Protein backbone atom coordinates (compact mmCIF):
# COMPACT_ATOMS: atom_id res chain seq x y z
CA MET A 1 108.78 65.13 123.45
CA THR A 2 110.13 68.05 121.29
CA VAL A 3 111.37 67.47 117.35
CA ASP A 4 114.36 68.66 115.62
CA VAL A 5 113.72 71.91 114.06
CA GLU A 6 114.41 72.06 110.45
CA PHE A 7 114.94 75.68 109.03
CA VAL A 8 115.17 76.67 105.54
CA THR A 9 115.84 80.52 104.09
CA GLY A 10 112.96 81.86 101.81
CA THR A 11 113.42 84.12 98.90
CA LEU A 12 111.70 86.54 96.85
CA LYS A 13 112.41 88.82 93.52
CA CYS A 14 110.75 92.77 93.94
CA TYR A 15 110.00 94.15 90.74
CA ASP A 16 108.37 97.60 89.93
CA GLU A 17 105.36 98.69 88.21
CA ASP A 18 107.62 98.75 84.65
CA GLY A 19 108.99 95.29 85.65
CA GLU A 20 112.59 96.49 86.70
CA LEU A 21 114.11 94.65 89.67
CA ALA A 22 113.53 97.29 92.33
CA SER A 23 115.64 97.88 95.48
CA GLY A 24 114.78 99.33 99.25
CA ILE A 25 111.24 97.22 98.73
CA PRO A 26 109.93 96.97 102.15
CA VAL A 27 108.52 93.05 102.85
CA GLU A 28 107.28 92.13 106.29
CA MET A 29 106.61 88.01 107.55
CA GLN A 30 104.93 86.95 110.44
CA ILE A 31 104.66 83.06 111.27
CA THR A 32 100.99 81.73 112.02
CA ALA A 33 101.40 78.17 112.47
CA LEU A 34 103.55 75.59 113.38
CA PRO A 35 103.70 72.18 111.68
CA GLY A 36 102.80 69.97 114.60
CA ASN A 37 102.60 68.69 118.11
CA GLY A 38 106.41 68.97 118.33
CA GLY A 39 107.02 70.50 121.40
CA LEU A 40 107.89 74.08 119.63
CA SER A 41 107.09 77.54 120.61
CA PHE A 42 107.92 80.73 118.61
CA SER A 43 107.81 84.85 118.64
CA THR A 44 105.09 85.90 116.39
CA ALA A 45 107.06 88.87 116.18
CA SER A 46 106.96 90.56 112.54
CA ARG A 47 109.87 90.09 110.47
CA PHE A 48 111.29 92.55 108.30
CA GLU A 49 113.49 92.66 105.13
CA THR A 50 114.41 95.12 102.62
CA SER A 51 115.15 94.20 98.91
CA ASP A 52 119.16 94.36 98.12
CA GLU A 53 120.37 96.37 94.95
CA ASN A 54 119.40 93.33 93.12
CA GLY A 55 115.93 93.25 93.67
CA GLY A 56 116.48 90.25 96.28
CA ILE A 57 115.19 89.56 99.81
CA GLU A 58 115.95 86.51 102.31
CA PHE A 59 114.29 85.04 104.85
CA GLU A 60 116.46 83.40 106.78
CA ARG A 61 115.17 80.15 109.30
CA LEU A 62 111.72 79.54 108.53
CA VAL A 63 110.71 76.62 109.85
CA ARG A 64 109.43 73.55 107.47
CA GLY A 65 106.09 72.91 107.00
CA ALA A 66 105.22 76.07 109.05
CA SER A 67 102.86 78.78 107.92
CA TYR A 68 103.83 82.43 107.26
CA LYS A 69 101.89 85.85 106.48
CA VAL A 70 103.66 88.53 103.87
CA ARG A 71 103.42 91.43 102.61
CA ARG A 72 104.76 94.42 100.64
CA GLY A 73 105.48 98.02 101.51
CA ALA A 74 102.10 99.66 102.49
CA SER A 75 99.81 97.45 101.77
CA VAL A 76 97.47 96.00 103.96
CA TYR A 77 96.50 92.87 102.47
CA TRP A 78 98.35 89.32 103.86
CA THR A 79 99.41 86.54 101.51
CA SER A 80 99.78 83.14 103.60
CA PHE A 81 101.92 80.29 102.48
CA THR A 82 103.45 77.11 104.28
CA VAL A 83 106.72 76.26 103.82
CA PRO A 84 107.29 72.75 102.05
CA LEU A 85 108.19 69.95 103.77
CA GLY A 86 111.35 68.16 101.85
CA THR A 87 112.54 70.98 99.78
CA ASP A 88 115.98 72.46 98.84
CA ASP A 89 117.15 75.42 100.62
CA PRO A 90 116.34 77.68 99.56
CA ILE A 91 112.91 78.24 98.64
CA ALA A 92 111.10 80.55 96.81
CA ILE A 93 108.31 82.45 99.17
CA ASP A 94 104.72 82.56 97.00
CA ASP A 95 104.07 85.42 94.82
CA LEU A 96 103.10 88.62 96.66
CA LEU A 97 101.69 91.85 95.16
CA GLY A 98 102.08 94.70 97.30
CA HIS A 99 101.74 99.09 97.15
CA ASP A 100 105.44 100.50 97.50
CA VAL A 101 105.11 104.31 98.95
CA HIS A 102 107.94 106.51 97.45
């Protein structure tokens, strides 16, 4: 039996090395695990977003209970996080470090 999928939007605020909000910062995200035995199948293709003029990024349609990996800019290091169950929409994505190429 397939379960209904619950989605949320994940948000980040990007700052530069001077602590100022930074626009044009690329962030990559990829799903790594689903929440359980619900008969679901999702693509593991990377998703890319770029911070807006206020340093904000939104990743829409994140699966509640699923795990993701995310990285900023040219970083080779991924940060893992799990979308909480039973939280309000939107959610803050876990803190993220990265290296930006200028």
